[in-house]
Protein backbone atom coordinates (compact mmCIF):
# COMPACT_ATOMS: atom_id res chain seq x y z
CA MET A 1 0.00 0.00 0.00
CA LYS A 2 1.12 3.56 -0.63
CA ARG A 3 -0.17 6.94 0.52
CA LEU A 4 -0.43 9.00 -2.65
CA GLU A 5 -1.68 12.31 -1.31
CA ASP A 6 -3.29 13.97 1.68
CA PHE A 7 -5.47 17.07 1.52
CA ASP A 8 -8.22 19.04 3.21
CA ILE A 9 -11.73 18.06 2.25
CA TYR A 10 -12.84 21.04 4.30
CA ALA A 11 -10.98 23.62 6.38
CA ASN A 12 -12.42 26.96 7.44
CA PRO A 13 -11.30 29.42 4.75
CA ASP A 14 -11.70 32.45 7.07
CA PRO A 15 -10.47 31.36 10.53
CA LEU A 16 -9.64 34.94 11.63
CA LEU A 17 -13.19 36.09 10.90
CA VAL A 18 -15.53 33.26 11.87
CA SER A 19 -15.43 29.89 13.65
CA ARG A 20 -16.42 26.96 11.44
CA GLN A 21 -15.50 23.60 12.97
CA ALA A 22 -15.90 20.49 10.80
CA THR A 23 -16.40 16.96 12.15
CA PHE A 24 -17.95 13.53 11.47
CA PRO A 25 -17.50 12.95 7.70
CA GLY A 26 -19.18 10.26 5.62
CA LEU A 27 -18.41 9.52 1.95
CA THR A 28 -20.05 7.92 -1.05
CA GLN A 29 -19.31 7.89 -4.80
CA LEU A 30 -21.98 8.36 -7.45
CA PRO A 31 -22.12 6.47 -10.78
CA SER A 32 -20.92 9.67 -12.49
CA GLY A 33 -17.68 9.41 -10.50
CA GLU A 34 -18.54 12.42 -8.35
CA ILE A 35 -17.76 11.95 -4.65
CA LEU A 36 -20.21 13.25 -2.07
CA VAL A 37 -19.33 13.93 1.56
CA ILE A 38 -21.71 14.76 4.40
CA PHE A 39 -20.17 16.23 7.53
CA THR A 40 -21.12 18.37 10.52
CA LEU A 41 -20.29 22.08 10.60
CA GLY A 42 -20.72 24.53 13.49
CA GLN A 43 -18.97 27.09 15.65
CA ALA A 44 -17.51 24.52 18.11
CA PHE A 45 -17.07 20.76 18.42
CA ASP A 46 -20.25 20.32 20.49
CA ALA A 47 -22.02 23.54 19.48
CA ALA A 48 -25.79 23.66 19.35
CA ASP A 49 -25.58 25.12 15.84
CA ASN A 50 -23.84 22.05 14.39
CA ARG A 51 -25.65 21.16 11.17
CA ALA A 52 -25.18 18.53 8.47
CA VAL A 53 -23.68 19.91 5.25
CA VAL A 54 -22.90 18.44 1.83
CA SER A 55 -19.80 18.96 -0.34
CA ARG A 56 -18.85 17.39 -3.67
CA SER A 57 -15.74 16.54 -5.69
CA SER A 58 -15.56 15.73 -9.40
CA ASP A 59 -11.78 15.08 -9.49
CA ASN A 60 -11.36 12.15 -7.07
CA GLY A 61 -11.06 14.40 -4.05
CA LYS A 62 -8.49 16.93 -5.22
CA THR A 63 -10.96 19.83 -4.95
CA TRP A 64 -14.29 20.20 -3.16
CA SER A 65 -17.29 22.46 -3.51
CA ALA A 66 -18.25 24.85 -0.74
CA PRO A 67 -20.50 23.04 1.78
CA VAL A 68 -24.25 23.63 1.70
CA ARG A 69 -26.86 22.64 4.27
CA LEU A 70 -28.31 19.16 3.76
CA ASN A 71 -31.72 20.64 4.57
CA LYS A 72 -32.46 24.10 5.98
CA HIS A 73 -35.49 23.10 8.02
CA GLU A 74 -35.16 24.30 11.64
CA LEU A 75 -36.92 23.21 14.82
CA VAL A 76 -37.48 24.78 18.24
CA PRO A 77 -35.63 23.78 20.30
CA GLU A 78 -32.85 23.45 17.76
CA GLU A 79 -31.04 20.19 17.06
CA SER A 80 -27.35 19.53 16.38
CA GLU A 81 -26.99 17.00 13.56
CA SER A 82 -24.80 14.09 12.42
CA TYR A 83 -25.67 11.98 9.35
CA LYS A 84 -23.86 9.50 7.10
CA PRO A 85 -24.73 8.80 3.44
CA LEU A 86 -25.64 5.54 1.71
CA ARG A 87 -26.42 5.19 -1.99
CA LEU A 88 -29.06 2.54 -2.59
CA ARG A 89 -29.10 0.42 -5.72
CA ASN A 90 -32.25 2.17 -6.93
CA GLY A 91 -30.31 5.47 -7.04
CA THR A 92 -31.78 6.98 -3.87
CA LEU A 93 -29.35 8.54 -1.41
CA MET A 94 -30.13 8.01 2.26
CA ALA A 95 -28.58 10.01 5.11
CA ALA A 96 -29.15 8.43 8.53
CA GLY A 97 -27.83 9.33 11.95
CA TYR A 98 -28.87 11.24 15.02
CA VAL A 99 -29.51 14.65 16.52
CA PHE A 100 -29.14 16.08 20.00
CA VAL A 101 -32.02 18.27 21.14
CA ARG A 102 -30.56 21.59 22.33
CA PRO A 103 -32.99 23.63 24.49
CA ASP A 104 -30.07 25.67 25.86
CA PRO A 105 -27.08 26.34 23.56
CA LEU A 106 -24.75 26.48 26.58
CA GLN A 107 -25.82 23.13 28.02
CA PRO A 108 -23.07 20.55 27.28
CA VAL A 109 -23.82 17.30 25.47
CA ILE A 110 -22.48 15.38 28.49
CA ASP A 111 -23.43 16.66 31.96
CA PRO A 112 -20.10 17.12 33.80
CA LYS A 113 -21.56 15.89 37.11
CA THR A 114 -24.00 13.12 36.21
CA PHE A 115 -22.46 11.91 32.89
CA GLU A 116 -25.99 11.96 31.45
CA LEU A 117 -26.37 12.85 27.77
CA LEU A 118 -28.68 15.35 26.15
CA HIS A 119 -31.82 13.91 24.57
CA LEU A 120 -30.78 12.05 21.39
CA ARG A 121 -33.14 11.15 18.56
CA ASN A 122 -32.49 9.23 15.35
CA LYS A 123 -33.35 10.69 11.96
CA VAL A 124 -33.20 9.87 8.26
CA SER A 125 -33.35 11.98 5.09
CA PHE A 126 -33.51 11.05 1.39
CA SER A 127 -32.34 12.53 -1.91
CA HIS A 128 -33.56 11.55 -5.38
CA ASP A 129 -31.27 13.88 -7.35
CA ASP A 130 -27.78 12.68 -6.40
CA GLY A 131 -27.67 14.72 -3.21
CA HIS A 132 -28.47 18.16 -4.60
CA SER A 133 -31.64 18.36 -2.51
CA TRP A 134 -32.75 16.38 0.54
CA SER A 135 -36.05 15.72 2.28
CA VAL A 136 -36.72 17.21 5.70
CA PRO A 137 -35.11 14.66 8.08
CA GLN A 138 -37.70 12.49 9.81
CA TYR A 139 -37.47 10.79 13.20
CA PHE A 140 -37.37 7.02 13.49
CA ASP A 141 -37.55 5.07 16.72
CA VAL A 142 -36.19 1.64 17.63
CA GLU A 143 -37.57 0.36 20.93
CA GLY A 144 -37.40 3.85 22.45
CA GLN A 145 -33.59 3.82 22.57
CA PRO A 146 -31.26 6.72 21.67
CA LEU A 147 -28.94 5.01 19.20
CA GLU A 148 -25.37 6.10 18.47
CA LEU A 149 -25.76 5.57 14.73
CA SER A 150 -22.44 7.22 13.92
CA GLY A 151 -21.54 5.19 10.82
CA PRO A 152 -23.30 4.57 7.51
CA CYS A 153 -25.88 1.85 7.06
CA ILE A 154 -25.31 -0.70 4.28
CA GLU A 155 -27.63 -2.28 1.71
CA LEU A 156 -27.27 -6.04 1.63
CA ALA A 157 -27.34 -8.20 -1.49
CA SER A 158 -30.86 -9.16 -0.37
CA GLY A 159 -31.99 -5.52 -0.53
CA ARG A 160 -32.39 -5.17 3.22
CA ILE A 161 -30.74 -2.13 4.83
CA ILE A 162 -28.92 -2.70 8.12
CA GLY A 163 -26.92 -0.55 10.51
CA ALA A 164 -24.65 -1.27 13.46
CA THR A 165 -25.22 0.84 16.54
CA THR A 166 -25.58 0.89 20.32
CA PRO A 167 -27.95 2.54 22.82
CA PHE A 168 -25.97 5.66 23.75
CA HIS A 169 -25.30 6.14 27.47
CA LEU A 170 -22.28 6.36 29.75
CA HIS A 171 -23.41 4.10 32.60
CA LYS A 172 -21.07 1.47 34.00
CA GLU A 173 -23.27 -1.39 32.78
CA GLY A 174 -26.13 -2.12 30.40
CA HIS A 175 -24.15 -1.85 27.14
CA ALA A 176 -24.77 -3.91 24.00
CA GLY A 177 -24.19 -3.65 20.26
CA TRP A 178 -27.30 -3.74 18.08
CA ILE A 179 -28.05 -4.45 14.44
CA ILE A 180 -31.04 -2.47 13.18
CA ALA A 181 -32.80 -3.35 9.93
CA SER A 182 -35.13 -1.72 7.42
CA ASP A 183 -37.22 -3.52 4.80
CA ASP A 184 -38.94 -0.40 3.48
CA GLY A 185 -36.01 1.48 1.96
CA GLY A 186 -34.89 3.13 5.20
CA LYS A 187 -38.16 4.77 6.21
CA SER A 188 -38.39 2.71 9.41
CA PHE A 189 -36.06 0.45 11.36
CA ARG A 190 -36.38 -2.36 13.88
CA LYS A 191 -33.93 -4.18 16.12
CA LEU A 192 -32.72 -7.28 14.28
CA SER A 193 -30.17 -8.66 16.74
CA GLU A 194 -27.43 -7.98 19.25
CA PHE A 195 -23.97 -8.48 17.77
CA TYR A 196 -22.15 -8.17 21.11
CA ARG A 197 -22.87 -8.04 24.84
CA SER A 198 -20.14 -8.63 27.42
CA ALA A 199 -20.87 -10.90 30.37
CA GLY A 200 -21.37 -7.96 32.72
CA GLY A 201 -22.70 -5.52 30.15
CA ASN A 202 -19.79 -3.24 31.04
CA VAL A 203 -18.15 -3.06 27.59
CA SER A 204 -19.38 -0.35 25.22
CA THR A 205 -19.40 -0.85 21.46
CA TRP A 206 -18.63 2.70 20.35
CA GLU A 207 -18.27 3.81 16.72
CA THR A 208 -19.52 0.56 15.20
CA ARG A 209 -18.91 -0.05 11.49
CA LEU A 210 -19.98 -2.92 9.26
CA CYS A 211 -19.62 -4.34 5.76
CA GLU A 212 -20.93 -7.28 3.73
CA LEU A 213 -18.04 -9.60 2.88
CA SER A 214 -20.17 -11.79 0.61
CA PRO A 215 -23.95 -12.21 0.30
CA GLY A 216 -25.26 -12.57 3.85
CA ARG A 217 -21.80 -12.59 5.49
CA ILE A 218 -21.49 -9.49 7.67
CA ALA A 219 -18.46 -8.18 9.59
CA VAL A 220 -18.86 -5.61 12.38
CA MET A 221 -15.91 -3.88 14.03
CA PHE A 222 -16.09 -1.61 17.07
CA TRP A 223 -14.23 0.45 19.65
CA ALA A 224 -14.48 -1.64 22.83
CA TYR A 225 -14.41 0.34 26.08
CA ASP A 226 -14.62 -1.18 29.56
CA ASN A 227 -16.72 1.25 31.60
CA VAL A 228 -15.97 -0.45 34.93
CA ALA A 229 -12.20 -0.55 34.48
CA ALA A 230 -12.30 2.82 32.62
CA ARG A 231 -9.96 1.68 29.87
CA ASN A 232 -9.87 1.09 26.13
CA LEU A 233 -9.73 -2.52 24.99
CA ASN A 234 -8.49 -3.70 21.61
CA ASN A 235 -10.79 -3.28 18.63
CA HIS A 236 -13.12 -6.28 18.41
CA LEU A 237 -14.78 -7.85 15.36
CA VAL A 238 -17.77 -10.16 14.98
CA ILE A 239 -19.06 -12.13 11.98
CA SER A 240 -22.59 -13.09 10.94
CA GLU A 241 -23.31 -15.73 8.30
CA ASP A 242 -27.04 -14.96 8.03
CA GLY A 243 -27.35 -11.28 7.20
CA GLY A 244 -26.90 -10.02 10.75
CA ALA A 245 -29.57 -12.12 12.47
CA ASN A 246 -26.96 -14.03 14.51
CA PHE A 247 -23.28 -13.50 15.25
CA GLY A 248 -20.36 -15.67 16.26
CA PRO A 249 -18.09 -14.94 19.21
CA ALA A 250 -16.17 -11.66 19.26
CA ARG A 251 -12.62 -11.70 17.95
CA ASP A 252 -9.98 -9.62 19.74
CA THR A 253 -8.17 -8.10 16.76
CA GLY A 254 -5.00 -7.44 18.74
CA VAL A 255 -5.16 -3.85 17.46
CA HIS A 256 -5.29 -1.36 20.32
CA GLY A 257 -7.38 1.14 18.40
CA GLN A 258 -10.48 3.16 19.11
CA ALA A 259 -12.74 4.55 16.35
CA SER A 260 -12.26 2.36 13.27
CA SER A 261 -13.85 1.24 10.02
CA LEU A 262 -13.55 -1.50 7.43
CA MET A 263 -14.04 -2.21 3.72
CA PRO A 264 -14.32 -5.58 1.93
CA LEU A 265 -11.52 -6.56 -0.45
CA GLY A 266 -13.02 -9.83 -1.65
CA GLY A 267 -13.02 -13.29 -0.13
CA SER A 268 -12.08 -13.11 3.54
CA LYS A 269 -9.86 -10.03 3.20
CA ILE A 270 -10.70 -6.54 4.42
CA LEU A 271 -9.07 -3.14 4.52
CA SER A 272 -9.38 -1.60 7.98
CA ILE A 273 -8.57 1.83 9.35
CA HIS A 274 -7.95 2.54 13.04
CA THR A 275 -7.42 5.57 15.25
CA HIS A 276 -4.76 5.02 17.91
CA ARG A 277 -5.26 7.82 20.42
CA GLU A 278 -3.25 6.84 23.48
CA ASN A 279 0.54 7.19 23.85
CA ASP A 280 1.54 6.59 20.23
CA ALA A 281 -1.17 8.53 18.42
CA ARG A 282 -1.55 7.63 14.75
CA LEU A 283 -4.03 6.76 12.01
CA VAL A 284 -3.32 3.37 10.45
CA VAL A 285 -4.70 1.42 7.47
CA ARG A 286 -4.30 -2.36 7.57
CA ARG A 287 -4.81 -5.09 4.98
CA VAL A 288 -6.28 -8.02 6.95
CA GLU A 289 -7.05 -11.70 6.36
CA LEU A 290 -10.00 -12.77 8.51
CA GLY A 291 -9.67 -16.47 7.73
CA THR A 292 -11.51 -18.84 10.05
CA GLY A 293 -11.64 -16.95 13.31
CA GLY A 294 -8.54 -14.79 13.10
CA PHE A 295 -7.48 -11.23 12.33
CA VAL A 296 -4.16 -11.54 10.52
CA VAL A 297 -2.58 -8.21 9.57
CA GLU A 298 -0.78 -8.61 6.25
CA GLU A 299 0.27 -5.01 5.69
CA GLU A 300 0.16 -1.65 7.52
CA LEU A 301 0.28 1.94 6.34
CA ASP A 302 0.53 4.96 8.66
CA LEU A 303 -1.47 7.89 7.32
CA PHE A 304 -0.05 10.06 10.09
CA LYS A 305 1.79 9.66 13.37
CA ASP A 306 1.89 12.45 15.97
CA GLU A 307 2.17 12.01 19.76
CA SER A 308 0.54 15.41 20.32
CA MET A 309 -2.73 14.02 18.87
CA GLY A 310 -3.25 11.62 21.79
CA SER A 311 -6.19 12.01 24.18
CA SER A 312 -6.84 11.54 27.89
CA THR A 313 -7.79 8.05 29.08
CA VAL A 314 -8.78 8.97 32.66
CA ASP A 315 -12.46 8.24 31.96
CA ILE A 316 -14.73 8.18 28.95
CA LYS A 317 -16.02 11.75 29.46
CA LYS A 318 -12.47 13.15 29.51
CA GLN A 319 -11.56 10.94 26.57
CA PHE A 320 -14.48 12.25 24.51
CA ALA A 321 -13.59 15.84 25.53
CA THR A 322 -9.95 15.59 24.44
CA LEU A 323 -10.26 13.76 21.11
CA LYS A 324 -8.17 15.32 18.34
CA PHE A 325 -9.08 13.05 15.40
CA GLY A 326 -11.73 10.45 14.73
CA GLN A 327 -14.42 8.72 12.68
CA PRO A 328 -12.09 7.36 9.98
CA SER A 329 -13.67 5.81 6.89
CA LEU A 330 -12.64 4.12 3.65
CA LEU A 331 -14.18 4.45 0.18
CA LYS A 332 -13.14 2.33 -2.82
CA LEU A 333 -13.02 4.69 -5.81
CA GLN A 334 -13.96 3.75 -9.34
CA ASN A 335 -10.32 4.18 -10.46
CA GLY A 336 -9.20 1.47 -8.03
CA GLU A 337 -7.71 3.82 -5.45
CA VAL A 338 -9.04 4.19 -1.90
CA LEU A 339 -10.09 7.47 -0.31
CA ALA A 340 -9.73 7.61 3.48
CA ALA A 341 -11.24 10.43 5.50
CA CYS A 342 -11.45 11.56 9.12
CA TRP A 343 -11.93 14.69 11.17
CA SER A 344 -8.80 16.17 12.74
CA PHE A 345 -7.73 19.08 14.97
CA GLU A 346 -5.13 21.13 13.09
CA ASN A 347 -3.93 24.71 13.52
CA SER A 348 -6.46 25.31 16.33
CA GLN A 349 -9.50 24.21 14.33
CA TYR A 350 -11.37 21.04 13.37
CA VAL A 351 -11.03 20.09 9.70
CA ILE A 352 -11.97 17.18 7.43
CA LYS A 353 -8.90 15.37 6.08
CA GLY A 354 -8.65 13.15 3.03
CA TYR A 355 -5.99 10.61 2.00
CA ARG A 356 -5.64 8.92 -1.39
CA ILE A 357 -4.22 5.40 -1.13
CA ALA A 358 -2.99 2.95 -3.76
CA LEU A 359 -3.51 -0.69 -2.84
């Protein structure tokens, strides 16, 4: 593997005049070759005015259009937004994710005393013109739970849409990873299964990502965090052979990463990307053979390595509050290259970074 180029997908062009902080990117490529990114833009990392915006590239990521609001509809109280795109085989674009309800713009997302979160609701929006216009995002509910749907859903070979997520809370126990499913094109979702639950329910499955390795064979990877011991575990991976209805035992990948993602390469191989945010902070892409129960790293590529980008590991609230890069993703381009993206803190502001990779 070789890193060909790195660039800004978005960085505030006027940092001395206005604060525009960019986080939480999601990518998809259209049949025309145009790449579409949805990310969150606001005046601070957790600002109440964070809104989903759309930007486009027609030259494989070298240049990007100025971001525009996904949809300008506003509510009272306002909602801060985070959505990820999925292009369905019928040509519809779906953007699914979550919002935090913000009755007071100065109320933090995480209460510093109780660790309770603001009210979270899940939403979905659709576009029928390649992402130039989007429907007003609509709420969907799955068993009354606030779901951390931070990654894109996928459309299976069967036509079913599934997503990997977890009920979002910071309690010591009661954590589990969920698969949600839609059989009506993403208009509504239901709980299909649990892909992971530790014996004591103390291990969170943050930043879950999934892919279909072959028809009906699903891989889910997640940031495993032990809320009782207050420490990051290695990234874990689980496999389903029946479209996400049931999962085998969790595999410890041996990779001490946090937010991560994965992309199928054919057969039992994947390309994975991992944030390492403790002592040796770096963003790493790995070519992996899953085989029959393993996680064999065949090749590694550092996209960047910088000790100053590490974050606190005292507890999960402090860890969330000190993150300097995250939500990495991988997109296979039509020219055979791979585009990786993440948000990153550079030059005192949050930007969206892109990396072109040759396999």
